[in-house]
């Protein structure tokens, strides 16, 4: 069971993700803006962050950059979820360079997300302070 923080401003998508991930045995936490996502990621230290790129207040790229620059967020795996960029390969390379471990272009199948999460969890977990 993993503690997963979903940073997504689409309420319907949040609920769909939460239902699918809870059925897989995970605990799901929510943030609806970039700023809230950063605050919760640093305070709650989730095992994985699901990060939308188009967020209010602070966009996903800024969230990723700020999270990876912080000691508490440096080792938190981030899966980027977005439907906004036309060149998925460029986006994936850019997000990977910024520290994301996976990238899913919306719309995506829930199975692909669960597979990405399982792959992350199969690797050695980061040490907790």
C-alpha atoms as a PDB file:
ATOM      1  CA  UNK A   1       0.000   0.000   0.000  1.00  0.00           C
ATOM      2  CA  UNK A   2       1.367   3.378  -0.980  1.00  0.00           C
ATOM      3  CA  UNK A   3       0.411   6.870   0.081  1.00  0.00           C
ATOM      4  CA  UNK A   4      -0.233   8.744  -3.159  1.00  0.00           C
ATOM      5  CA  UNK A   5      -0.750  12.497  -3.488  1.00  0.00           C
ATOM      6  CA  UNK A   6      -2.831  13.413  -6.526  1.00  0.00           C
ATOM      7  CA  UNK A   7      -2.301  17.047  -7.573  1.00  0.00           C
ATOM      8  CA  UNK A   8      -5.098  17.667 -10.063  1.00  0.00           C
ATOM      9  CA  UNK A   9      -7.614  20.507 -10.431  1.00  0.00           C
ATOM     10  CA  UNK A  10     -10.255  18.421 -12.244  1.00  0.00           C
ATOM     11  CA  UNK A  11     -12.547  17.182  -9.469  1.00  0.00           C
ATOM     12  CA  UNK A  12     -14.074  14.403 -11.568  1.00  0.00           C
ATOM     13  CA  UNK A  13     -10.651  13.068 -12.547  1.00  0.00           C
ATOM     14  CA  UNK A  14      -9.524  13.262  -8.900  1.00  0.00           C
ATOM     15  CA  UNK A  15     -12.447  11.069  -7.845  1.00  0.00           C
ATOM     16  CA  UNK A  16     -11.880   8.576 -10.662  1.00  0.00           C
ATOM     17  CA  UNK A  17      -8.182   8.289  -9.829  1.00  0.00           C
ATOM     18  CA  UNK A  18      -8.897   7.943  -6.121  1.00  0.00           C
ATOM     19  CA  UNK A  19     -11.451   5.192  -6.681  1.00  0.00           C
ATOM     20  CA  UNK A  20      -9.137   3.224  -8.990  1.00  0.00           C
ATOM     21  CA  UNK A  21      -6.125   3.603  -6.707  1.00  0.00           C
ATOM     22  CA  UNK A  22      -8.045   2.773  -3.531  1.00  0.00           C
ATOM     23  CA  UNK A  23      -9.317  -0.406  -5.193  1.00  0.00           C
ATOM     24  CA  UNK A  24      -5.648  -1.267  -5.755  1.00  0.00           C
ATOM     25  CA  UNK A  25      -5.028  -0.803  -2.018  1.00  0.00           C
ATOM     26  CA  UNK A  26      -3.467   2.659  -1.972  1.00  0.00           C
ATOM     27  CA  UNK A  27      -4.189   5.612   0.276  1.00  0.00           C
ATOM     28  CA  UNK A  28      -4.964   8.686  -1.841  1.00  0.00           C
ATOM     29  CA  UNK A  29      -4.484  12.295  -0.746  1.00  0.00           C
ATOM     30  CA  UNK A  30      -5.685  15.317  -2.736  1.00  0.00           C
ATOM     31  CA  UNK A  31      -4.427  18.727  -3.780  1.00  0.00           C
ATOM     32  CA  UNK A  32      -6.311  20.941  -6.229  1.00  0.00           C
ATOM     33  CA  UNK A  33      -3.683  23.587  -7.007  1.00  0.00           C
ATOM     34  CA  UNK A  34       0.056  23.658  -7.507  1.00  0.00           C
ATOM     35  CA  UNK A  35       0.703  25.575  -4.314  1.00  0.00           C
ATOM     36  CA  UNK A  36      -1.454  23.186  -2.277  1.00  0.00           C
ATOM     37  CA  UNK A  37       0.369  20.279  -3.922  1.00  0.00           C
ATOM     38  CA  UNK A  38       3.778  21.559  -2.851  1.00  0.00           C
ATOM     39  CA  UNK A  39       2.614  22.191   0.699  1.00  0.00           C
ATOM     40  CA  UNK A  40       1.028  18.744   1.044  1.00  0.00           C
ATOM     41  CA  UNK A  41       3.918  16.926  -0.621  1.00  0.00           C
ATOM     42  CA  UNK A  42       6.400  18.446   1.819  1.00  0.00           C
ATOM     43  CA  UNK A  43       4.179  18.072   4.889  1.00  0.00           C
ATOM     44  CA  UNK A  44       2.782  14.585   4.229  1.00  0.00           C
ATOM     45  CA  UNK A  45       5.781  13.021   2.432  1.00  0.00           C
ATOM     46  CA  UNK A  46       3.784  10.741   0.103  1.00  0.00           C
ATOM     47  CA  UNK A  47       5.308   7.693  -1.538  1.00  0.00           C
ATOM     48  CA  UNK A  48       4.331   8.986  -5.008  1.00  0.00           C
ATOM     49  CA  UNK A  49       2.990  12.248  -6.429  1.00  0.00           C
ATOM     50  CA  UNK A  50       0.666  12.311  -9.441  1.00  0.00           C
ATOM     51  CA  UNK A  51       1.116  15.752 -10.984  1.00  0.00           C
ATOM     52  CA  UNK A  52      -1.053  17.498 -13.546  1.00  0.00           C
ATOM     53  CA  UNK A  53       0.765  20.143 -15.576  1.00  0.00           C
ATOM     54  CA  UNK A  54      -2.129  22.617 -16.003  1.00  0.00           C
ATOM     55  CA  UNK A  55      -2.831  23.763 -12.452  1.00  0.00           C
ATOM     56  CA  UNK A  56      -4.097  26.994 -10.947  1.00  0.00           C
ATOM     57  CA  UNK A  57      -1.817  29.248  -8.865  1.00  0.00           C
ATOM     58  CA  UNK A  58       1.398  27.352  -9.684  1.00  0.00           C
ATOM     59  CA  UNK A  59       1.743  25.144 -12.794  1.00  0.00           C
ATOM     60  CA  UNK A  60       2.969  21.563 -12.689  1.00  0.00           C
ATOM     61  CA  UNK A  61       6.440  22.322 -14.042  1.00  0.00           C
ATOM     62  CA  UNK A  62       6.967  24.846 -11.230  1.00  0.00           C
ATOM     63  CA  UNK A  63       5.656  22.346  -8.684  1.00  0.00           C
ATOM     64  CA  UNK A  64       8.074  19.703  -9.950  1.00  0.00           C
ATOM     65  CA  UNK A  65      10.994  22.119  -9.898  1.00  0.00           C
ATOM     66  CA  UNK A  66      10.233  23.358  -6.373  1.00  0.00           C
ATOM     67  CA  UNK A  67       9.568  19.875  -5.037  1.00  0.00           C
ATOM     68  CA  UNK A  68      12.836  18.468  -6.386  1.00  0.00           C
ATOM     69  CA  UNK A  69      14.780  21.453  -5.011  1.00  0.00           C
ATOM     70  CA  UNK A  70      13.597  20.703  -1.448  1.00  0.00           C
ATOM     71  CA  UNK A  71      15.294  18.084   0.730  1.00  0.00           C
ATOM     72  CA  UNK A  72      11.938  16.478   1.647  1.00  0.00           C
ATOM     73  CA  UNK A  73      10.756  16.333  -1.954  1.00  0.00           C
ATOM     74  CA  UNK A  74      13.971  15.415  -3.682  1.00  0.00           C
ATOM     75  CA  UNK A  75      13.375  11.653  -3.601  1.00  0.00           C
ATOM     76  CA  UNK A  76       9.595  11.586  -3.983  1.00  0.00           C
ATOM     77  CA  UNK A  77       8.761   9.891  -7.303  1.00  0.00           C
ATOM     78  CA  UNK A  78       6.566  12.084  -9.510  1.00  0.00           C
ATOM     79  CA  UNK A  79       4.334  10.836 -12.309  1.00  0.00           C
ATOM     80  CA  UNK A  80       3.366  13.655 -14.674  1.00  0.00           C
ATOM     81  CA  UNK A  81      -0.176  13.572 -16.085  1.00  0.00           C
ATOM     82  CA  UNK A  82      -1.110  16.016 -18.822  1.00  0.00           C
ATOM     83  CA  UNK A  83      -3.110  16.488 -21.963  1.00  0.00           C
ATOM     84  CA  UNK A  84      -1.772  19.896 -22.896  1.00  0.00           C
ATOM     85  CA  UNK A  85       1.380  19.251 -24.913  1.00  0.00           C
ATOM     86  CA  UNK A  86       1.317  18.137 -28.522  1.00  0.00           C
ATOM     87  CA  UNK A  87       4.764  16.543 -28.512  1.00  0.00           C
ATOM     88  CA  UNK A  88       4.668  13.831 -25.820  1.00  0.00           C
ATOM     89  CA  UNK A  89       8.280  12.780 -26.451  1.00  0.00           C
ATOM     90  CA  UNK A  90       9.578  16.329 -25.889  1.00  0.00           C
ATOM     91  CA  UNK A  91       7.414  16.693 -22.791  1.00  0.00           C
ATOM     92  CA  UNK A  92       8.542  13.349 -21.406  1.00  0.00           C
ATOM     93  CA  UNK A  93      12.201  14.220 -21.940  1.00  0.00           C
ATOM     94  CA  UNK A  94      11.765  17.648 -20.355  1.00  0.00           C
ATOM     95  CA  UNK A  95       9.873  16.284 -17.331  1.00  0.00           C
ATOM     96  CA  UNK A  96      12.389  13.471 -16.920  1.00  0.00           C
ATOM     97  CA  UNK A  97      15.225  16.009 -16.921  1.00  0.00           C
ATOM     98  CA  UNK A  98      13.347  17.911 -14.197  1.00  0.00           C
ATOM     99  CA  UNK A  99      13.042  14.758 -12.059  1.00  0.00           C
ATOM    100  CA  UNK A 100       9.762  13.065 -13.026  1.00  0.00           C
ATOM    101  CA  UNK A 101       9.979   9.271 -13.148  1.00  0.00           C
ATOM    102  CA  UNK A 102       7.041   8.708 -15.519  1.00  0.00           C
ATOM    103  CA  UNK A 103       4.801  10.611 -17.899  1.00  0.00           C
ATOM    104  CA  UNK A 104       1.244   9.778 -18.969  1.00  0.00           C
ATOM    105  CA  UNK A 105      -0.581  11.748 -21.638  1.00  0.00           C
ATOM    106  CA  UNK A 106      -4.286  12.282 -20.965  1.00  0.00           C
ATOM    107  CA  UNK A 107      -6.491  10.521 -21.604  1.00  0.00           C
ATOM    108  CA  UNK A 108      -4.758   7.419 -20.299  1.00  0.00           C
ATOM    109  CA  UNK A 109      -5.902   4.013 -19.177  1.00  0.00           C
ATOM    110  CA  UNK A 110      -5.996   3.490 -15.426  1.00  0.00           C
ATOM    111  CA  UNK A 111      -4.085   0.247 -15.956  1.00  0.00           C
ATOM    112  CA  UNK A 112      -1.135   2.232 -17.335  1.00  0.00           C
ATOM    113  CA  UNK A 113      -1.133   4.396 -14.208  1.00  0.00           C
ATOM    114  CA  UNK A 114      -1.337   1.362 -11.919  1.00  0.00           C
ATOM    115  CA  UNK A 115       1.539  -0.254 -13.862  1.00  0.00           C
ATOM    116  CA  UNK A 116       3.663   2.896 -13.490  1.00  0.00           C
ATOM    117  CA  UNK A 117       2.941   2.988  -9.753  1.00  0.00           C
ATOM    118  CA  UNK A 118       3.750  -0.722  -9.344  1.00  0.00           C
ATOM    119  CA  UNK A 119       7.051  -0.242 -11.182  1.00  0.00           C
ATOM    120  CA  UNK A 120       8.003   2.643  -8.891  1.00  0.00           C
ATOM    121  CA  UNK A 121       7.045   0.710  -5.772  1.00  0.00           C
ATOM    122  CA  UNK A 122       9.024  -2.331  -6.885  1.00  0.00           C
ATOM    123  CA  UNK A 123      12.232  -0.308  -6.609  1.00  0.00           C
ATOM    124  CA  UNK A 124      13.852   0.379  -3.299  1.00  0.00           C
ATOM    125  CA  UNK A 125      11.942   3.039  -1.412  1.00  0.00           C
ATOM    126  CA  UNK A 126      13.665   6.236  -0.405  1.00  0.00           C
ATOM    127  CA  UNK A 127      14.808   6.524   3.203  1.00  0.00           C
ATOM    128  CA  UNK A 128      12.498   8.494   5.457  1.00  0.00           C
ATOM    129  CA  UNK A 129      14.037  11.117   7.742  1.00  0.00           C
END
